[in-house]
Amino acid sequence: MRTPPPLLEDAAVDAHLAQALPAWRRDGRSIVRTFRTGGWKATMLAAGAVAHLAEVAWHHPTLTLAYDRLDIRLDTHESGGITGRDLALAAAIERTVAWQPEAPLEGTPQAPRFAYIRQE
């Protein structure tokens, strides 16, 4: 049996989120992030990307899916709170789901019917 990773102090978590992951916030013993989407298709695609990252990392979040929203909650269950694993997976999720293309890639058209992940 592996030794659970150590819990991070709240102040350390808050400082890391403010500096490296400003779209994430601490909620009790978890870190959370909401992605606003353009509808079911985008929500399911984003959830699939998060599920893939979590499976590869062997660190599984709690996902809540709604028509135009994906809520992600990360904590390390065996440690009872937030560890370095959660921050690392949050960073991978942010790099993947919130990624925006640069030239020569055009990106999703701005018309509402093409709405995908909304940048807020």
PDB file of N, CA and C in Angstrom:
ATOM      1  N   MET A   1       0.841  -1.187   0.000  1.00  0.00           N
ATOM      2  CA  MET A   1       0.000   0.000   0.000  1.00  0.00           C
ATOM      3  C   MET A   1       0.882   1.244   0.000  1.00  0.00           C
ATOM      4  N   ARG A   2       0.551   2.190  -0.869  1.00  0.00           N
ATOM      5  CA  ARG A   2       1.330   3.420  -0.955  1.00  0.00           C
ATOM      6  C   ARG A   2       0.999   4.358   0.190  1.00  0.00           C
ATOM      7  N   THR A   3       1.976   5.150   0.561  1.00  0.00           N
ATOM      8  CA  THR A   3       1.766   6.172   1.579  1.00  0.00           C
ATOM      9  C   THR A   3       1.047   7.354   0.944  1.00  0.00           C
ATOM     10  N   PRO A   4      -0.044   7.823   1.549  1.00  0.00           N
ATOM     11  CA  PRO A   4      -0.759   8.979   0.982  1.00  0.00           C
ATOM     12  C   PRO A   4       0.152  10.206   0.933  1.00  0.00           C
ATOM     13  N   PRO A   5       0.002  11.040  -0.093  1.00  0.00           N
ATOM     14  CA  PRO A   5       0.817  12.252  -0.158  1.00  0.00           C
ATOM     15  C   PRO A   5       0.421  13.223   0.945  1.00  0.00           C
ATOM     16  N   PRO A   6       1.356  14.067   1.370  1.00  0.00           N
ATOM     17  CA  PRO A   6       1.050  15.008   2.460  1.00  0.00           C
ATOM     18  C   PRO A   6       0.088  16.110   2.014  1.00  0.00           C
ATOM     19  N   LEU A   7      -0.728  16.529   2.954  1.00  0.00           N
ATOM     20  CA  LEU A   7      -1.630  17.654   2.716  1.00  0.00           C
ATOM     21  C   LEU A   7      -0.834  18.945   2.621  1.00  0.00           C
ATOM     22  N   LEU A   8      -1.328  19.865   1.810  1.00  0.00           N
ATOM     23  CA  LEU A   8      -0.733  21.195   1.708  1.00  0.00           C
ATOM     24  C   LEU A   8      -1.469  22.142   2.648  1.00  0.00           C
ATOM     25  N   GLU A   9      -0.748  23.097   3.183  1.00  0.00           N
ATOM     26  CA  GLU A   9      -1.360  24.120   4.039  1.00  0.00           C
ATOM     27  C   GLU A   9      -2.281  25.005   3.187  1.00  0.00           C
ATOM     28  N   ASP A  10      -3.373  25.472   3.779  1.00  0.00           N
ATOM     29  CA  ASP A  10      -4.316  26.329   3.056  1.00  0.00           C
ATOM     30  C   ASP A  10      -3.628  27.535   2.435  1.00  0.00           C
ATOM     31  N   ALA A  11      -2.735  28.172   3.182  1.00  0.00           N
ATOM     32  CA  ALA A  11      -2.052  29.365   2.669  1.00  0.00           C
ATOM     33  C   ALA A  11      -1.212  29.026   1.442  1.00  0.00           C
ATOM     34  N   ALA A  12      -0.562  27.872   1.454  1.00  0.00           N
ATOM     35  CA  ALA A  12       0.255  27.462   0.310  1.00  0.00           C
ATOM     36  C   ALA A  12      -0.624  27.185  -0.905  1.00  0.00           C
ATOM     37  N   VAL A  13      -1.767  26.553  -0.679  1.00  0.00           N
ATOM     38  CA  VAL A  13      -2.707  26.285  -1.771  1.00  0.00           C
ATOM     39  C   VAL A  13      -3.219  27.597  -2.351  1.00  0.00           C
ATOM     40  N   ASP A  14      -3.654  28.504  -1.479  1.00  0.00           N
ATOM     41  CA  ASP A  14      -4.188  29.795  -1.935  1.00  0.00           C
ATOM     42  C   ASP A  14      -3.143  30.581  -2.731  1.00  0.00           C
ATOM     43  N   ALA A  15      -1.902  30.576  -2.263  1.00  0.00           N
ATOM     44  CA  ALA A  15      -0.833  31.298  -2.960  1.00  0.00           C
ATOM     45  C   ALA A  15      -0.571  30.672  -4.328  1.00  0.00           C
ATOM     46  N   HIS A  16      -0.553  29.341  -4.399  1.00  0.00           N
ATOM     47  CA  HIS A  16      -0.307  28.674  -5.675  1.00  0.00           C
ATOM     48  C   HIS A  16      -1.440  28.945  -6.663  1.00  0.00           C
ATOM     49  N   LEU A  17      -2.670  28.872  -6.195  1.00  0.00           N
ATOM     50  CA  LEU A  17      -3.812  29.146  -7.081  1.00  0.00           C
ATOM     51  C   LEU A  17      -3.755  30.582  -7.594  1.00  0.00           C
ATOM     52  N   ALA A  18      -3.476  31.525  -6.723  1.00  0.00           N
ATOM     53  CA  ALA A  18      -3.428  32.933  -7.134  1.00  0.00           C
ATOM     54  C   ALA A  18      -2.346  33.164  -8.182  1.00  0.00           C
ATOM     55  N   GLN A  19      -1.219  32.495  -8.031  1.00  0.00           N
ATOM     56  CA  GLN A  19      -0.102  32.723  -8.947  1.00  0.00           C
ATOM     57  C   GLN A  19      -0.215  31.905 -10.228  1.00  0.00           C
ATOM     58  N   ALA A  20      -0.519  30.616 -10.106  1.00  0.00           N
ATOM     59  CA  ALA A  20      -0.417  29.708 -11.258  1.00  0.00           C
ATOM     60  C   ALA A  20      -1.756  29.269 -11.843  1.00  0.00           C
ATOM     61  N   LEU A  21      -2.805  29.289 -11.048  1.00  0.00           N
ATOM     62  CA  LEU A  21      -4.108  28.772 -11.497  1.00  0.00           C
ATOM     63  C   LEU A  21      -5.239  29.703 -11.041  1.00  0.00           C
ATOM     64  N   PRO A  22      -5.252  30.938 -11.541  1.00  0.00           N
ATOM     65  CA  PRO A  22      -6.216  31.916 -11.022  1.00  0.00           C
ATOM     66  C   PRO A  22      -7.683  31.593 -11.283  1.00  0.00           C
ATOM     67  N   ALA A  23      -7.993  30.716 -12.233  1.00  0.00           N
ATOM     68  CA  ALA A  23      -9.393  30.344 -12.486  1.00  0.00           C
ATOM     69  C   ALA A  23      -9.877  29.286 -11.494  1.00  0.00           C
ATOM     70  N   TRP A  24      -8.975  28.733 -10.709  1.00  0.00           N
ATOM     71  CA  TRP A  24      -9.312  27.729  -9.699  1.00  0.00           C
ATOM     72  C   TRP A  24      -9.440  28.422  -8.349  1.00  0.00           C
ATOM     73  N   ARG A  25     -10.237  27.806  -7.455  1.00  0.00           N
ATOM     74  CA  ARG A  25     -10.360  28.335  -6.100  1.00  0.00           C
ATOM     75  C   ARG A  25     -10.417  27.178  -5.112  1.00  0.00           C
ATOM     76  N   ARG A  26     -10.060  27.471  -3.883  1.00  0.00           N
ATOM     77  CA  ARG A  26     -10.152  26.456  -2.831  1.00  0.00           C
ATOM     78  C   ARG A  26     -11.561  26.488  -2.269  1.00  0.00           C
ATOM     79  N   ASP A  27     -12.142  25.321  -2.065  1.00  0.00           N
ATOM     80  CA  ASP A  27     -13.458  25.179  -1.456  1.00  0.00           C
ATOM     81  C   ASP A  27     -13.327  24.098  -0.392  1.00  0.00           C
ATOM     82  N   GLY A  28     -13.093  24.520   0.831  1.00  0.00           N
ATOM     83  CA  GLY A  28     -12.876  23.551   1.902  1.00  0.00           C
ATOM     84  C   GLY A  28     -11.619  22.738   1.646  1.00  0.00           C
ATOM     85  N   ARG A  29     -11.777  21.426   1.546  1.00  0.00           N
ATOM     86  CA  ARG A  29     -10.640  20.538   1.339  1.00  0.00           C
ATOM     87  C   ARG A  29     -10.477  20.129  -0.123  1.00  0.00           C
ATOM     88  N   SER A  30     -10.987  20.949  -1.032  1.00  0.00           N
ATOM     89  CA  SER A  30     -10.891  20.677  -2.471  1.00  0.00           C
ATOM     90  C   SER A  30     -10.514  21.957  -3.203  1.00  0.00           C
ATOM     91  N   ILE A  31     -10.045  21.782  -4.444  1.00  0.00           N
ATOM     92  CA  ILE A  31      -9.931  22.921  -5.352  1.00  0.00           C
ATOM     93  C   ILE A  31     -10.956  22.689  -6.452  1.00  0.00           C
ATOM     94  N   VAL A  32     -11.540  23.776  -6.931  1.00  0.00           N
ATOM     95  CA  VAL A  32     -12.645  23.668  -7.887  1.00  0.00           C
ATOM     96  C   VAL A  32     -12.458  24.645  -9.042  1.00  0.00           C
ATOM     97  N   ARG A  33     -13.045  24.262 -10.173  1.00  0.00           N
ATOM     98  CA  ARG A  33     -12.988  25.093 -11.383  1.00  0.00           C
ATOM     99  C   ARG A  33     -14.260  24.827 -12.167  1.00  0.00           C
ATOM    100  N   THR A  34     -14.859  25.862 -12.707  1.00  0.00           N
ATOM    101  CA  THR A  34     -16.013  25.738 -13.586  1.00  0.00           C
ATOM    102  C   THR A  34     -15.631  26.223 -14.976  1.00  0.00           C
ATOM    103  N   PHE A  35     -15.930  25.400 -15.963  1.00  0.00           N
ATOM    104  CA  PHE A  35     -15.798  25.803 -17.356  1.00  0.00           C
ATOM    105  C   PHE A  35     -17.193  26.040 -17.886  1.00  0.00           C
ATOM    106  N   ARG A  36     -17.433  27.218 -18.465  1.00  0.00           N
ATOM    107  CA  ARG A  36     -18.690  27.511 -19.141  1.00  0.00           C
ATOM    108  C   ARG A  36     -18.518  27.062 -20.586  1.00  0.00           C
ATOM    109  N   THR A  37     -19.525  26.403 -21.119  1.00  0.00           N
ATOM    110  CA  THR A  37     -19.430  25.858 -22.466  1.00  0.00           C
ATOM    111  C   THR A  37     -20.575  26.362 -23.331  1.00  0.00           C
ATOM    112  N   GLY A  38     -20.542  25.973 -24.585  1.00  0.00           N
ATOM    113  CA  GLY A  38     -21.580  26.372 -25.522  1.00  0.00           C
ATOM    114  C   GLY A  38     -22.731  25.391 -25.614  1.00  0.00           C
ATOM    115  N   GLY A  39     -22.759  24.359 -24.784  1.00  0.00           N
ATOM    116  CA  GLY A  39     -23.844  23.386 -24.821  1.00  0.00           C
ATOM    117  C   GLY A  39     -23.330  21.981 -24.558  1.00  0.00           C
ATOM    118  N   TRP A  40     -24.236  21.004 -24.696  1.00  0.00           N
ATOM    119  CA  TRP A  40     -23.917  19.621 -24.354  1.00  0.00           C
ATOM    120  C   TRP A  40     -22.689  19.076 -25.065  1.00  0.00           C
ATOM    121  N   LYS A  41     -22.578  19.339 -26.367  1.00  0.00           N
ATOM    122  CA  LYS A  41     -21.441  18.793 -27.116  1.00  0.00           C
ATOM    123  C   LYS A  41     -20.118  19.266 -26.503  1.00  0.00           C
ATOM    124  N   ALA A  42     -20.011  20.559 -26.258  1.00  0.00           N
ATOM    125  CA  ALA A  42     -18.784  21.108 -25.685  1.00  0.00           C
ATOM    126  C   ALA A  42     -18.551  20.599 -24.267  1.00  0.00           C
ATOM    127  N   THR A  43     -19.625  20.499 -23.469  1.00  0.00           N
ATOM    128  CA  THR A  43     -19.484  19.983 -22.105  1.00  0.00           C
ATOM    129  C   THR A  43     -18.953  18.558 -22.125  1.00  0.00           C
ATOM    130  N   MET A  44     -19.501  17.726 -22.992  1.00  0.00           N
ATOM    131  CA  MET A  44     -19.065  16.328 -23.067  1.00  0.00           C
ATOM    132  C   MET A  44     -17.623  16.215 -23.575  1.00  0.00           C
ATOM    133  N   LEU A  45     -17.250  17.031 -24.552  1.00  0.00           N
ATOM    134  CA  LEU A  45     -15.875  17.001 -25.047  1.00  0.00           C
ATOM    135  C   LEU A  45     -14.893  17.434 -23.958  1.00  0.00           C
ATOM    136  N   ALA A  46     -15.216  18.490 -23.230  1.00  0.00           N
ATOM    137  CA  ALA A  46     -14.346  18.960 -22.152  1.00  0.00           C
ATOM    138  C   ALA A  46     -14.256  17.913 -21.041  1.00  0.00           C
ATOM    139  N   ALA A  47     -15.387  17.302 -20.691  1.00  0.00           N
ATOM    140  CA  ALA A  47     -15.383  16.265 -19.653  1.00  0.00           C
ATOM    141  C   ALA A  47     -14.537  15.070 -20.089  1.00  0.00           C
ATOM    142  N   GLY A  48     -14.616  14.715 -21.365  1.00  0.00           N
ATOM    143  CA  GLY A  48     -13.793  13.617 -21.875  1.00  0.00           C
ATOM    144  C   GLY A  48     -12.310  13.928 -21.779  1.00  0.00           C
ATOM    145  N   ALA A  49     -11.941  15.168 -22.068  1.00  0.00           N
ATOM    146  CA  ALA A  49     -10.536  15.568 -21.954  1.00  0.00           C
ATOM    147  C   ALA A  49     -10.062  15.468 -20.505  1.00  0.00           C
ATOM    148  N   VAL A  50     -10.880  15.940 -19.568  1.00  0.00           N
ATOM    149  CA  VAL A  50     -10.530  15.855 -18.149  1.00  0.00           C
ATOM    150  C   VAL A  50     -10.440  14.395 -17.715  1.00  0.00           C
ATOM    151  N   ALA A  51     -11.387  13.578 -18.147  1.00  0.00           N
ATOM    152  CA  ALA A  51     -11.369  12.159 -17.785  1.00  0.00           C
ATOM    153  C   ALA A  51     -10.107  11.477 -18.312  1.00  0.00           C
ATOM    154  N   HIS A  52      -9.702  11.809 -19.527  1.00  0.00           N
ATOM    155  CA  HIS A  52      -8.476  11.236 -20.091  1.00  0.00           C
ATOM    156  C   HIS A  52      -7.267  11.624 -19.235  1.00  0.00           C
ATOM    157  N   LEU A  53      -7.124  12.899 -18.924  1.00  0.00           N
ATOM    158  CA  LEU A  53      -5.996  13.346 -18.112  1.00  0.00           C
ATOM    159  C   LEU A  53      -5.989  12.661 -16.745  1.00  0.00           C
ATOM    160  N   ALA A  54      -7.163  12.574 -16.131  1.00  0.00           N
ATOM    161  CA  ALA A  54      -7.266  11.949 -14.811  1.00  0.00           C
ATOM    162  C   ALA A  54      -6.883  10.473 -14.861  1.00  0.00           C
ATOM    163  N   GLU A  55      -7.312   9.784 -15.893  1.00  0.00           N
ATOM    164  CA  GLU A  55      -6.999   8.357 -16.002  1.00  0.00           C
ATOM    165  C   GLU A  55      -5.506   8.141 -16.198  1.00  0.00           C
ATOM    166  N   VAL A  56      -4.905   8.936 -17.077  1.00  0.00           N
ATOM    167  CA  VAL A  56      -3.466   8.822 -17.306  1.00  0.00           C
ATOM    168  C   VAL A  56      -2.697   9.133 -16.019  1.00  0.00           C
ATOM    169  N   ALA A  57      -3.153  10.122 -15.271  1.00  0.00           N
ATOM    170  CA  ALA A  57      -2.492  10.519 -14.030  1.00  0.00           C
ATOM    171  C   ALA A  57      -2.838   9.591 -12.859  1.00  0.00           C
ATOM    172  N   TRP A  58      -3.872   8.782 -13.022  1.00  0.00           N
ATOM    173  CA  TRP A  58      -4.403   7.925 -11.959  1.00  0.00           C
ATOM    174  C   TRP A  58      -4.753   8.755 -10.728  1.00  0.00           C
ATOM    175  N   HIS A  59      -5.450   9.852 -11.002  1.00  0.00           N
ATOM    176  CA  HIS A  59      -5.906  10.759  -9.946  1.00  0.00           C
ATOM    177  C   HIS A  59      -7.246  11.325 -10.418  1.00  0.00           C
ATOM    178  N   HIS A  60      -8.326  10.923  -9.784  1.00  0.00           N
ATOM    179  CA  HIS A  60      -9.656  11.126 -10.353  1.00  0.00           C
ATOM    180  C   HIS A  60     -10.456  12.216  -9.654  1.00  0.00           C
ATOM    181  N   PRO A  61     -10.945  13.180 -10.452  1.00  0.00           N
ATOM    182  CA  PRO A  61     -11.749  14.277  -9.912  1.00  0.00           C
ATOM    183  C   PRO A  61     -13.220  13.897  -9.811  1.00  0.00           C
ATOM    184  N   THR A  62     -13.961  14.773  -9.181  1.00  0.00           N
ATOM    185  CA  THR A  62     -15.405  14.700  -9.219  1.00  0.00           C
ATOM    186  C   THR A  62     -15.863  15.696 -10.275  1.00  0.00           C
ATOM    187  N   LEU A  63     -16.622  15.212 -11.251  1.00  0.00           N
ATOM    188  CA  LEU A  63     -17.116  16.061 -12.328  1.00  0.00           C
ATOM    189  C   LEU A  63     -18.628  16.184 -12.216  1.00  0.00           C
ATOM    190  N   THR A  64     -19.122  17.397 -12.418  1.00  0.00           N
ATOM    191  CA  THR A  64     -20.555  17.639 -12.500  1.00  0.00           C
ATOM    192  C   THR A  64     -20.808  18.300 -13.843  1.00  0.00           C
ATOM    193  N   LEU A  65     -21.639  17.648 -14.653  1.00  0.00           N
ATOM    194  CA  LEU A  65     -21.917  18.134 -15.998  1.00  0.00           C
ATOM    195  C   LEU A  65     -23.320  18.707 -16.068  1.00  0.00           C
ATOM    196  N   ALA A  66     -23.427  19.842 -16.723  1.00  0.00           N
ATOM    197  CA  ALA A  66     -24.719  20.460 -17.015  1.00  0.00           C
ATOM    198  C   ALA A  66     -24.685  20.883 -18.475  1.00  0.00           C
ATOM    199  N   TYR A  67     -25.797  21.318 -18.981  1.00  0.00           N
ATOM    200  CA  TYR A  67     -25.902  21.674 -20.396  1.00  0.00           C
ATOM    201  C   TYR A  67     -24.757  22.569 -20.859  1.00  0.00           C
ATOM    202  N   ASP A  68     -24.495  23.646 -20.120  1.00  0.00           N
ATOM    203  CA  ASP A  68     -23.487  24.612 -20.547  1.00  0.00           C
ATOM    204  C   ASP A  68     -22.396  24.829 -19.497  1.00  0.00           C
ATOM    205  N   ARG A  69     -22.106  23.773 -18.725  1.00  0.00           N
ATOM    206  CA  ARG A  69     -21.145  23.947 -17.637  1.00  0.00           C
ATOM    207  C   ARG A  69     -20.506  22.610 -17.268  1.00  0.00           C
ATOM    208  N   LEU A  70     -19.222  22.670 -16.944  1.00  0.00           N
ATOM    209  CA  LEU A  70     -18.494  21.538 -16.396  1.00  0.00           C
ATOM    210  C   LEU A  70     -17.842  21.997 -15.105  1.00  0.00           C
ATOM    211  N   ASP A  71     -18.227  21.397 -13.987  1.00  0.00           N
ATOM    212  CA  ASP A  71     -17.630  21.708 -12.691  1.00  0.00           C
ATOM    213  C   ASP A  71     -16.654  20.590 -12.341  1.00  0.00           C
ATOM    214  N   ILE A  72     -15.456  20.981 -11.929  1.00  0.00           N
ATOM    215  CA  ILE A  72     -14.407  20.026 -11.578  1.00  0.00           C
ATOM    216  C   ILE A  72     -14.024  20.252 -10.125  1.00  0.00           C
ATOM    217  N   ARG A  73     -13.957  19.185  -9.364  1.00  0.00           N
ATOM    218  CA  ARG A  73     -13.550  19.240  -7.952  1.00  0.00           C
ATOM    219  C   ARG A  73     -12.410  18.243  -7.768  1.00  0.00           C
ATOM    220  N   LEU A  74     -11.284  18.748  -7.267  1.00  0.00           N
ATOM    221  CA  LEU A  74     -10.113  17.908  -7.045  1.00  0.00           C
ATOM    222  C   LEU A  74      -9.734  17.888  -5.574  1.00  0.00           C
ATOM    223  N   ASP A  75      -9.490  16.714  -5.066  1.00  0.00           N
ATOM    224  CA  ASP A  75      -8.871  16.528  -3.757  1.00  0.00           C
ATOM    225  C   ASP A  75      -8.289  15.126  -3.739  1.00  0.00           C
ATOM    226  N   THR A  76      -7.405  14.893  -2.816  1.00  0.00           N
ATOM    227  CA  THR A  76      -6.771  13.583  -2.705  1.00  0.00           C
ATOM    228  C   THR A  76      -7.476  12.837  -1.581  1.00  0.00           C
ATOM    229  N   HIS A  77      -8.330  11.909  -1.955  1.00  0.00           N
ATOM    230  CA  HIS A  77      -9.208  11.229  -0.996  1.00  0.00           C
ATOM    231  C   HIS A  77      -8.439  10.570   0.136  1.00  0.00           C
ATOM    232  N   GLU A  78      -7.385   9.824  -0.205  1.00  0.00           N
ATOM    233  CA  GLU A  78      -6.665   9.078   0.835  1.00  0.00           C
ATOM    234  C   GLU A  78      -5.910   9.994   1.788  1.00  0.00           C
ATOM    235  N   SER A  79      -5.668  11.245   1.391  1.00  0.00           N
ATOM    236  CA  SER A  79      -5.002  12.206   2.277  1.00  0.00           C
ATOM    237  C   SER A  79      -6.013  13.086   3.011  1.00  0.00           C
ATOM    238  N   GLY A  80      -7.232  13.140   2.502  1.00  0.00           N
ATOM    239  CA  GLY A  80      -8.274  13.937   3.145  1.00  0.00           C
ATOM    240  C   GLY A  80      -8.223  15.415   2.836  1.00  0.00           C
ATOM    241  N   GLY A  81      -7.687  15.765   1.664  1.00  0.00           N
ATOM    242  CA  GLY A  81      -7.641  17.174   1.310  1.00  0.00           C
ATOM    243  C   GLY A  81      -6.792  17.420   0.073  1.00  0.00           C
ATOM    244  N   ILE A  82      -6.201  18.598   0.012  1.00  0.00           N
ATOM    245  CA  ILE A  82      -5.476  19.050  -1.172  1.00  0.00           C
ATOM    246  C   ILE A  82      -3.993  18.704  -1.047  1.00  0.00           C
ATOM    247  N   THR A  83      -3.463  18.066  -2.097  1.00  0.00           N
ATOM    248  CA  THR A  83      -2.046  17.719  -2.146  1.00  0.00           C
ATOM    249  C   THR A  83      -1.452  18.239  -3.456  1.00  0.00           C
ATOM    250  N   GLY A  84      -0.180  18.000  -3.612  1.00  0.00           N
ATOM    251  CA  GLY A  84       0.485  18.372  -4.857  1.00  0.00           C
ATOM    252  C   GLY A  84      -0.122  17.693  -6.070  1.00  0.00           C
ATOM    253  N   ARG A  85      -0.689  16.513  -5.894  1.00  0.00           N
ATOM    254  CA  ARG A  85      -1.355  15.813  -6.996  1.00  0.00           C
ATOM    255  C   ARG A  85      -2.491  16.650  -7.584  1.00  0.00           C
ATOM    256  N   ASP A  86      -3.245  17.275  -6.701  1.00  0.00           N
ATOM    257  CA  ASP A  86      -4.392  18.069  -7.151  1.00  0.00           C
ATOM    258  C   ASP A  86      -3.944  19.283  -7.948  1.00  0.00           C
ATOM    259  N   LEU A  87      -2.911  19.951  -7.471  1.00  0.00           N
ATOM    260  CA  LEU A  87      -2.402  21.121  -8.181  1.00  0.00           C
ATOM    261  C   LEU A  87      -1.810  20.726  -9.528  1.00  0.00           C
ATOM    262  N   ALA A  88      -1.128  19.593  -9.579  1.00  0.00           N
ATOM    263  CA  ALA A  88      -0.539  19.138 -10.841  1.00  0.00           C
ATOM    264  C   ALA A  88      -1.618  18.775 -11.854  1.00  0.00           C
ATOM    265  N   LEU A  89      -2.662  18.071 -11.411  1.00  0.00           N
ATOM    266  CA  LEU A  89      -3.733  17.716 -12.338  1.00  0.00           C
ATOM    267  C   LEU A  89      -4.503  18.958 -12.769  1.00  0.00           C
ATOM    268  N   ALA A  90      -4.727  19.896 -11.859  1.00  0.00           N
ATOM    269  CA  ALA A  90      -5.399  21.150 -12.221  1.00  0.00           C
ATOM    270  C   ALA A  90      -4.610  21.886 -13.301  1.00  0.00           C
ATOM    271  N   ALA A  91      -3.293  21.904 -13.185  1.00  0.00           N
ATOM    272  CA  ALA A  91      -2.459  22.567 -14.194  1.00  0.00           C
ATOM    273  C   ALA A  91      -2.586  21.871 -15.548  1.00  0.00           C
ATOM    274  N   ALA A  92      -2.607  20.539 -15.542  1.00  0.00           N
ATOM    275  CA  ALA A  92      -2.768  19.795 -16.800  1.00  0.00           C
ATOM    276  C   ALA A  92      -4.137  20.061 -17.418  1.00  0.00           C
ATOM    277  N   ILE A  93      -5.178  20.111 -16.587  1.00  0.00           N
ATOM    278  CA  ILE A  93      -6.527  20.412 -17.078  1.00  0.00           C
ATOM    279  C   ILE A  93      -6.552  21.811 -17.680  1.00  0.00           C
ATOM    280  N   GLU A  94      -5.939  22.749 -17.003  1.00  0.00           N
ATOM    281  CA  GLU A  94      -5.940  24.128 -17.488  1.00  0.00           C
ATOM    282  C   GLU A  94      -5.216  24.231 -18.831  1.00  0.00           C
ATOM    283  N   ARG A  95      -4.063  23.567 -18.952  1.00  0.00           N
ATOM    284  CA  ARG A  95      -3.314  23.599 -20.216  1.00  0.00           C
ATOM    285  C   ARG A  95      -4.104  22.965 -21.353  1.00  0.00           C
ATOM    286  N   THR A  96      -4.938  21.999 -21.047  1.00  0.00           N
ATOM    287  CA  THR A  96      -5.650  21.251 -22.080  1.00  0.00           C
ATOM    288  C   THR A  96      -7.007  21.863 -22.412  1.00  0.00           C
ATOM    289  N   VAL A  97      -7.865  22.026 -21.427  1.00  0.00           N
ATOM    290  CA  VAL A  97      -9.239  22.453 -21.679  1.00  0.00           C
ATOM    291  C   VAL A  97      -9.320  23.953 -21.966  1.00  0.00           C
ATOM    292  N   ALA A  98      -8.517  24.752 -21.291  1.00  0.00           N
ATOM    293  CA  ALA A  98      -8.572  26.203 -21.490  1.00  0.00           C
ATOM    294  C   ALA A  98      -7.630  26.674 -22.597  1.00  0.00           C
ATOM    295  N   TRP A  99      -6.901  25.777 -23.212  1.00  0.00           N
ATOM    296  CA  TRP A  99      -5.951  26.129 -24.267  1.00  0.00           C
ATOM    297  C   TRP A  99      -6.661  26.843 -25.402  1.00  0.00           C
ATOM    298  N   GLN A 100      -6.023  27.877 -25.924  1.00  0.00           N
ATOM    299  CA  GLN A 100      -6.545  28.625 -27.060  1.00  0.00           C
ATOM    300  C   GLN A 100      -5.515  28.608 -28.176  1.00  0.00           C
ATOM    301  N   PRO A 101      -5.929  28.321 -29.390  1.00  0.00           N
ATOM    302  CA  PRO A 101      -4.983  28.231 -30.507  1.00  0.00           C
ATOM    303  C   PRO A 101      -4.416  29.586 -30.912  1.00  0.00           C
ATOM    304  N   GLU A 102      -3.246  29.513 -31.502  1.00  0.00           N
ATOM    305  CA  GLU A 102      -2.592  30.689 -32.074  1.00  0.00           C
ATOM    306  C   GLU A 102      -2.365  30.413 -33.548  1.00  0.00           C
ATOM    307  N   ALA A 103      -2.067  31.460 -34.304  1.00  0.00           N
ATOM    308  CA  ALA A 103      -1.814  31.319 -35.741  1.00  0.00           C
ATOM    309  C   ALA A 103      -0.729  30.265 -35.967  1.00  0.00           C
ATOM    310  N   PRO A 104      -0.867  29.439 -36.943  1.00  0.00           N
ATOM    311  CA  PRO A 104      -1.807  29.520 -38.053  1.00  0.00           C
ATOM    312  C   PRO A 104      -3.159  28.863 -37.768  1.00  0.00           C
ATOM    313  N   LEU A 105      -3.375  28.331 -36.585  1.00  0.00           N
ATOM    314  CA  LEU A 105      -4.685  27.768 -36.261  1.00  0.00           C
ATOM    315  C   LEU A 105      -5.676  28.903 -36.046  1.00  0.00           C
ATOM    316  N   GLU A 106      -6.876  28.747 -36.579  1.00  0.00           N
ATOM    317  CA  GLU A 106      -7.871  29.825 -36.519  1.00  0.00           C
ATOM    318  C   GLU A 106      -8.659  29.857 -35.224  1.00  0.00           C
ATOM    319  N   GLY A 107      -8.930  28.718 -34.644  1.00  0.00           N
ATOM    320  CA  GLY A 107      -9.764  28.681 -33.452  1.00  0.00           C
ATOM    321  C   GLY A 107     -11.236  28.637 -33.805  1.00  0.00           C
ATOM    322  N   THR A 108     -12.054  28.438 -32.809  1.00  0.00           N
ATOM    323  CA  THR A 108     -13.496  28.351 -32.986  1.00  0.00           C
ATOM    324  C   THR A 108     -14.055  29.696 -33.441  1.00  0.00           C
ATOM    325  N   PRO A 109     -14.918  29.721 -34.456  1.00  0.00           N
ATOM    326  CA  PRO A 109     -15.527  30.986 -34.887  1.00  0.00           C
ATOM    327  C   PRO A 109     -16.281  31.651 -33.736  1.00  0.00           C
ATOM    328  N   GLN A 110     -16.369  32.954 -33.767  1.00  0.00           N
ATOM    329  CA  GLN A 110     -16.999  33.720 -32.688  1.00  0.00           C
ATOM    330  C   GLN A 110     -18.523  33.668 -32.707  1.00  0.00           C
ATOM    331  N   ALA A 111     -19.137  33.196 -33.780  1.00  0.00           N
ATOM    332  CA  ALA A 111     -20.596  33.130 -33.856  1.00  0.00           C
ATOM    333  C   ALA A 111     -21.136  32.237 -32.730  1.00  0.00           C
ATOM    334  N   PRO A 112     -22.227  32.649 -32.073  1.00  0.00           N
ATOM    335  CA  PRO A 112     -22.781  31.885 -30.959  1.00  0.00           C
ATOM    336  C   PRO A 112     -23.051  30.411 -31.275  1.00  0.00           C
ATOM    337  N   ARG A 113     -23.421  30.104 -32.508  1.00  0.00           N
ATOM    338  CA  ARG A 113     -23.729  28.708 -32.833  1.00  0.00           C
ATOM    339  C   ARG A 113     -22.501  27.820 -32.777  1.00  0.00           C
ATOM    340  N   PHE A 114     -21.310  28.411 -32.770  1.00  0.00           N
ATOM    341  CA  PHE A 114     -20.071  27.634 -32.678  1.00  0.00           C
ATOM    342  C   PHE A 114     -19.473  27.686 -31.271  1.00  0.00           C
ATOM    343  N   ALA A 115     -20.159  28.265 -30.307  1.00  0.00           N
ATOM    344  CA  ALA A 115     -19.609  28.445 -28.963  1.00  0.00           C
ATOM    345  C   ALA A 115     -19.092  27.126 -28.415  1.00  0.00           C
ATOM    346  N   TYR A 116     -17.916  27.181 -27.842  1.00  0.00           N
ATOM    347  CA  TYR A 116     -17.289  25.983 -27.285  1.00  0.00           C
ATOM    348  C   TYR A 116     -16.959  26.270 -25.820  1.00  0.00           C
ATOM    349  N   ILE A 117     -15.709  26.459 -25.482  1.00  0.00           N
ATOM    350  CA  ILE A 117     -15.353  26.840 -24.117  1.00  0.00           C
ATOM    351  C   ILE A 117     -15.323  28.364 -24.059  1.00  0.00           C
ATOM    352  N   ARG A 118     -16.078  28.920 -23.144  1.00  0.00           N
ATOM    353  CA  ARG A 118     -16.163  30.368 -23.029  1.00  0.00           C
ATOM    354  C   ARG A 118     -15.025  30.878 -22.147  1.00  0.00           C
ATOM    355  N   GLN A 119     -14.323  31.857 -22.642  1.00  0.00           N
ATOM    356  CA  GLN A 119     -13.229  32.467 -21.866  1.00  0.00           C
ATOM    357  C   GLN A 119     -13.817  33.590 -21.016  1.00  0.00           C
ATOM    358  N   GLU A 120     -13.710  33.433 -19.720  1.00  0.00           N
ATOM    359  CA  GLU A 120     -14.283  34.436 -18.803  1.00  0.00           C
ATOM    360  C   GLU A 120     -13.223  35.107 -18.000  1.00  0.00           C
TER     361      GLU A 120
END
